[in-house]
Amino acid sequence: MFLLRQCFHANRAEGKAEGEALALQTLLRKRFGALPPDVLAMIANASLEQIDAWLEQVRDTRSLDDLFGPTTH
């Protein structure tokens, strides 16, 4: 039962991270247009905490570089 509970919580956290990553991508596309592959990769590989931080900053950022630093786009 303990292992099943651990799997449930891990899947739930993963689902939350995926949902927040999609929300971040949507917000960024509305502000900046199509997202370059390197930005999409950064979002896909980010922790939930990092995604949350980007979501907090997205409203006030002026460019993708301001939010993610210099990228290869």
C-alpha atoms as a PDB file:
ATOM      1  CA  MET A   1       0.000   0.000   0.000  1.00  0.00           C
ATOM      2  CA  PHE A   2       2.865   2.379   0.832  1.00  0.00           C
ATOM      3  CA  LEU A   3       4.445   1.895  -2.603  1.00  0.00           C
ATOM      4  CA  LEU A   4       1.110   2.513  -4.293  1.00  0.00           C
ATOM      5  CA  ARG A   5       0.689   5.737  -2.316  1.00  0.00           C
ATOM      6  CA  GLN A   6       4.207   6.859  -3.287  1.00  0.00           C
ATOM      7  CA  CYS A   7       3.479   6.197  -6.959  1.00  0.00           C
ATOM      8  CA  PHE A   8       0.227   8.142  -6.735  1.00  0.00           C
ATOM      9  CA  HIS A   9       1.929  11.183  -5.213  1.00  0.00           C
ATOM     10  CA  ALA A  10       4.804  11.036  -7.706  1.00  0.00           C
ATOM     11  CA  ASN A  11       2.386  10.877 -10.638  1.00  0.00           C
ATOM     12  CA  ARG A  12       0.331  13.705  -9.194  1.00  0.00           C
ATOM     13  CA  ALA A  13       3.411  15.935  -8.832  1.00  0.00           C
ATOM     14  CA  GLU A  14       4.511  15.065 -12.364  1.00  0.00           C
ATOM     15  CA  GLY A  15       1.070  15.949 -13.688  1.00  0.00           C
ATOM     16  CA  LYS A  16       1.149  19.274 -11.881  1.00  0.00           C
ATOM     17  CA  ALA A  17       4.566  20.095 -13.349  1.00  0.00           C
ATOM     18  CA  GLU A  18       3.348  19.227 -16.847  1.00  0.00           C
ATOM     19  CA  GLY A  19       0.246  21.381 -16.405  1.00  0.00           C
ATOM     20  CA  GLU A  20       2.246  24.351 -15.162  1.00  0.00           C
ATOM     21  CA  ALA A  21       4.763  23.918 -17.992  1.00  0.00           C
ATOM     22  CA  LEU A  22       1.915  24.062 -20.513  1.00  0.00           C
ATOM     23  CA  ALA A  23       0.488  27.156 -18.802  1.00  0.00           C
ATOM     24  CA  LEU A  24       3.899  28.835 -18.947  1.00  0.00           C
ATOM     25  CA  GLN A  25       4.263  28.010 -22.646  1.00  0.00           C
ATOM     26  CA  THR A  26       0.802  29.428 -23.349  1.00  0.00           C
ATOM     27  CA  LEU A  27       1.553  32.679 -21.543  1.00  0.00           C
ATOM     28  CA  LEU A  28       4.908  33.041 -23.281  1.00  0.00           C
ATOM     29  CA  ARG A  29       3.402  32.398 -26.731  1.00  0.00           C
ATOM     30  CA  LYS A  30       0.757  35.067 -26.123  1.00  0.00           C
ATOM     31  CA  ARG A  31       3.436  37.588 -25.155  1.00  0.00           C
ATOM     32  CA  PHE A  32       6.292  36.698 -27.496  1.00  0.00           C
ATOM     33  CA  GLY A  33       4.936  34.511 -30.304  1.00  0.00           C
ATOM     34  CA  ALA A  34       6.390  31.151 -31.286  1.00  0.00           C
ATOM     35  CA  LEU A  35       8.862  29.763 -28.767  1.00  0.00           C
ATOM     36  CA  PRO A  36      12.268  28.585 -29.950  1.00  0.00           C
ATOM     37  CA  PRO A  37      13.191  24.928 -29.394  1.00  0.00           C
ATOM     38  CA  ASP A  38      15.832  25.756 -26.779  1.00  0.00           C
ATOM     39  CA  VAL A  39      13.267  27.578 -24.616  1.00  0.00           C
ATOM     40  CA  LEU A  40      10.825  24.677 -24.968  1.00  0.00           C
ATOM     41  CA  ALA A  41      13.601  22.295 -23.911  1.00  0.00           C
ATOM     42  CA  MET A  42      14.442  24.421 -20.870  1.00  0.00           C
ATOM     43  CA  ILE A  43      10.805  24.373 -19.791  1.00  0.00           C
ATOM     44  CA  ALA A  44      10.474  20.626 -20.409  1.00  0.00           C
ATOM     45  CA  ASN A  45      13.541  19.879 -18.278  1.00  0.00           C
ATOM     46  CA  ALA A  46      12.801  22.333 -15.469  1.00  0.00           C
ATOM     47  CA  SER A  47      11.751  21.449 -11.950  1.00  0.00           C
ATOM     48  CA  LEU A  48       8.333  22.407 -10.665  1.00  0.00           C
ATOM     49  CA  GLU A  49      10.003  25.055  -8.508  1.00  0.00           C
ATOM     50  CA  GLN A  50      11.731  26.605 -11.525  1.00  0.00           C
ATOM     51  CA  ILE A  51       8.519  26.619 -13.550  1.00  0.00           C
ATOM     52  CA  ASP A  52       6.740  28.323 -10.646  1.00  0.00           C
ATOM     53  CA  ALA A  53       9.483  30.968 -10.525  1.00  0.00           C
ATOM     54  CA  TRP A  54       9.153  31.633 -14.265  1.00  0.00           C
ATOM     55  CA  LEU A  55       5.378  31.876 -13.939  1.00  0.00           C
ATOM     56  CA  GLU A  56       5.832  34.520 -11.248  1.00  0.00           C
ATOM     57  CA  GLN A  57       8.197  36.517 -13.478  1.00  0.00           C
ATOM     58  CA  VAL A  58       6.485  36.169 -16.860  1.00  0.00           C
ATOM     59  CA  ARG A  59       4.155  39.132 -16.437  1.00  0.00           C
ATOM     60  CA  ASP A  60       6.988  41.590 -15.775  1.00  0.00           C
ATOM     61  CA  THR A  61       9.601  40.255 -18.187  1.00  0.00           C
ATOM     62  CA  ARG A  62      10.343  42.155 -21.385  1.00  0.00           C
ATOM     63  CA  SER A  63      11.898  39.348 -23.414  1.00  0.00           C
ATOM     64  CA  LEU A  64      12.629  35.646 -23.421  1.00  0.00           C
ATOM     65  CA  ASP A  65      16.273  36.474 -22.714  1.00  0.00           C
ATOM     66  CA  ASP A  66      15.223  38.407 -19.609  1.00  0.00           C
ATOM     67  CA  LEU A  67      13.410  35.344 -18.334  1.00  0.00           C
ATOM     68  CA  PHE A  68      15.710  32.520 -19.461  1.00  0.00           C
ATOM     69  CA  GLY A  69      19.033  34.251 -20.024  1.00  0.00           C
ATOM     70  CA  PRO A  70      20.828  34.147 -23.355  1.00  0.00           C
ATOM     71  CA  THR A  71      19.699  31.155 -25.382  1.00  0.00           C
ATOM     72  CA  THR A  72      20.525  29.941 -28.867  1.00  0.00           C
ATOM     73  CA  HIS A  73      17.305  31.179 -30.485  1.00  0.00           C
END
